[in-house]
């Protein structure tokens, strides 16, 4: 997880997208953590692309079941990851989702200034 966070931070800074670093890093951390903790596959793949004015983040874990947003108790130590992803994506005018097969969870964040 820490490698995915470092990679996200470094790549976004390299591309001049510093305003997205904090939220994108948290989203990646939550998606990768979810894939590692709940996935059944032997491999987790993380991709990050910029296209059409959006930053696209996706994590694939080879698990056919679909993850769901939980309504965690206020004292729970787990269960808020996808809630955070949903909140951050929608708060910034982005979207998030899960592939039909359930193996890929993704998020789209608009790039400030609408850069390509």
Protein backbone atom coordinates (compact mmCIF):
# COMPACT_ATOMS: atom_id res chain seq x y z
CA UNK A 1 0.00 0.00 0.00
CA UNK A 2 2.78 2.41 0.83
CA UNK A 3 4.36 1.77 -2.57
CA UNK A 4 1.10 2.66 -4.31
CA UNK A 5 0.83 5.86 -2.26
CA UNK A 6 4.42 6.87 -3.03
CA UNK A 7 3.98 6.10 -6.72
CA UNK A 8 0.76 8.14 -6.87
CA UNK A 9 2.35 11.12 -5.13
CA UNK A 10 5.50 11.04 -7.25
CA UNK A 11 3.68 10.68 -10.56
CA UNK A 12 1.14 13.41 -9.86
CA UNK A 13 3.87 15.82 -8.77
CA UNK A 14 5.92 14.95 -11.85
CA UNK A 15 2.87 15.72 -14.03
CA UNK A 16 2.24 19.03 -12.24
CA UNK A 17 -0.97 17.81 -10.62
CA UNK A 18 -0.11 18.66 -7.01
CA UNK A 19 -3.70 19.74 -6.17
CA UNK A 20 -4.81 16.11 -6.61
CA UNK A 21 -2.07 14.50 -4.51
CA UNK A 22 -3.82 14.29 -1.13
CA UNK A 23 -7.17 13.00 -2.35
CA UNK A 24 -5.78 10.70 -5.01
CA UNK A 25 -3.29 9.20 -2.56
CA UNK A 26 -6.03 8.50 -0.02
CA UNK A 27 -8.27 6.98 -2.71
CA UNK A 28 -5.48 4.73 -3.99
CA UNK A 29 -4.64 3.67 -0.45
CA UNK A 30 -8.25 2.70 0.24
CA UNK A 31 -8.73 0.85 -3.08
CA UNK A 32 -5.48 -1.10 -2.76
CA UNK A 33 -6.15 -1.92 0.90
CA UNK A 34 -9.61 -3.17 0.00
CA UNK A 35 -8.21 -5.35 -2.78
CA UNK A 36 -5.53 -6.85 -0.53
CA UNK A 37 -7.78 -7.45 2.46
CA UNK A 38 -10.86 -8.73 0.64
CA UNK A 39 -9.59 -9.99 -2.70
CA UNK A 40 -9.01 -13.65 -3.47
CA UNK A 41 -6.61 -13.19 -6.35
CA UNK A 42 -2.87 -13.61 -6.31
CA UNK A 43 -2.23 -10.26 -7.96
CA UNK A 44 -3.37 -6.68 -7.40
CA UNK A 45 -2.88 -4.24 -10.27
CA UNK A 46 -3.04 -0.46 -9.91
CA UNK A 47 -3.32 1.89 -12.90
CA UNK A 48 -3.32 5.66 -13.07
CA UNK A 49 -4.00 7.55 -16.29
CA UNK A 50 -4.82 11.10 -17.30
CA UNK A 51 -7.21 11.55 -20.19
CA UNK A 52 -10.08 13.78 -21.27
CA UNK A 53 -9.55 16.15 -18.34
CA UNK A 54 -9.76 13.44 -15.68
CA UNK A 55 -7.39 11.45 -13.50
CA UNK A 56 -8.43 7.80 -13.70
CA UNK A 57 -7.42 5.50 -10.83
CA UNK A 58 -8.19 1.77 -10.95
CA UNK A 59 -7.35 -1.28 -8.86
CA UNK A 60 -7.90 -4.79 -10.20
CA UNK A 61 -7.74 -7.81 -7.91
CA UNK A 62 -9.06 -10.82 -9.89
CA UNK A 63 -11.94 -11.32 -7.43
CA UNK A 64 -15.33 -11.88 -9.09
CA UNK A 65 -17.44 -10.60 -6.17
CA UNK A 66 -18.46 -6.96 -6.06
CA UNK A 67 -17.31 -4.82 -3.13
CA UNK A 68 -19.98 -2.73 -1.40
CA UNK A 69 -19.98 0.52 0.52
CA UNK A 70 -20.49 -0.29 4.20
CA UNK A 71 -22.34 1.69 6.82
CA UNK A 72 -19.74 1.23 9.56
CA UNK A 73 -20.57 1.86 13.20
CA UNK A 74 -19.01 5.01 14.63
CA UNK A 75 -16.66 2.90 16.78
CA UNK A 76 -15.64 0.50 13.98
CA UNK A 77 -11.98 0.40 13.04
CA UNK A 78 -12.69 -0.86 9.50
CA UNK A 79 -15.35 -0.58 6.84
CA UNK A 80 -15.08 3.02 5.66
CA UNK A 81 -12.76 2.67 2.67
CA UNK A 82 -15.27 2.71 -0.17
CA UNK A 83 -17.35 5.31 1.67
CA UNK A 84 -14.27 7.59 1.65
CA UNK A 85 -13.67 6.90 -2.05
CA UNK A 86 -17.28 7.72 -2.85
CA UNK A 87 -17.22 10.88 -0.71
CA UNK A 88 -13.97 12.23 -2.19
CA UNK A 89 -14.97 11.47 -5.77
CA UNK A 90 -18.37 13.12 -5.54
CA UNK A 91 -17.10 16.06 -3.46
CA UNK A 92 -14.79 17.00 -6.35
CA UNK A 93 -17.25 16.37 -9.17
CA UNK A 94 -15.81 12.97 -10.00
CA UNK A 95 -17.23 9.49 -10.12
CA UNK A 96 -16.31 6.03 -8.92
CA UNK A 97 -17.53 2.55 -9.61
CA UNK A 98 -17.00 -1.15 -9.79
CA UNK A 99 -16.68 -3.18 -12.98
CA UNK A 100 -19.55 -5.48 -13.91
CA UNK A 101 -17.46 -8.50 -12.94
CA UNK A 102 -16.47 -6.82 -9.66
CA UNK A 103 -12.74 -7.28 -10.12
CA UNK A 104 -11.91 -3.63 -10.82
CA UNK A 105 -12.77 -0.68 -8.61
CA UNK A 106 -12.11 2.72 -10.16
CA UNK A 107 -12.36 6.44 -9.53
CA UNK A 108 -12.32 9.49 -11.81
CA UNK A 109 -11.31 12.92 -10.53
CA UNK A 110 -11.50 16.06 -12.66
CA UNK A 111 -8.18 17.72 -13.26
CA UNK A 112 -8.08 21.32 -12.05
CA UNK A 113 -8.11 23.64 -15.03
CA UNK A 114 -9.35 20.83 -17.30
CA UNK A 115 -5.93 19.85 -18.62
CA UNK A 116 -5.98 16.94 -21.13
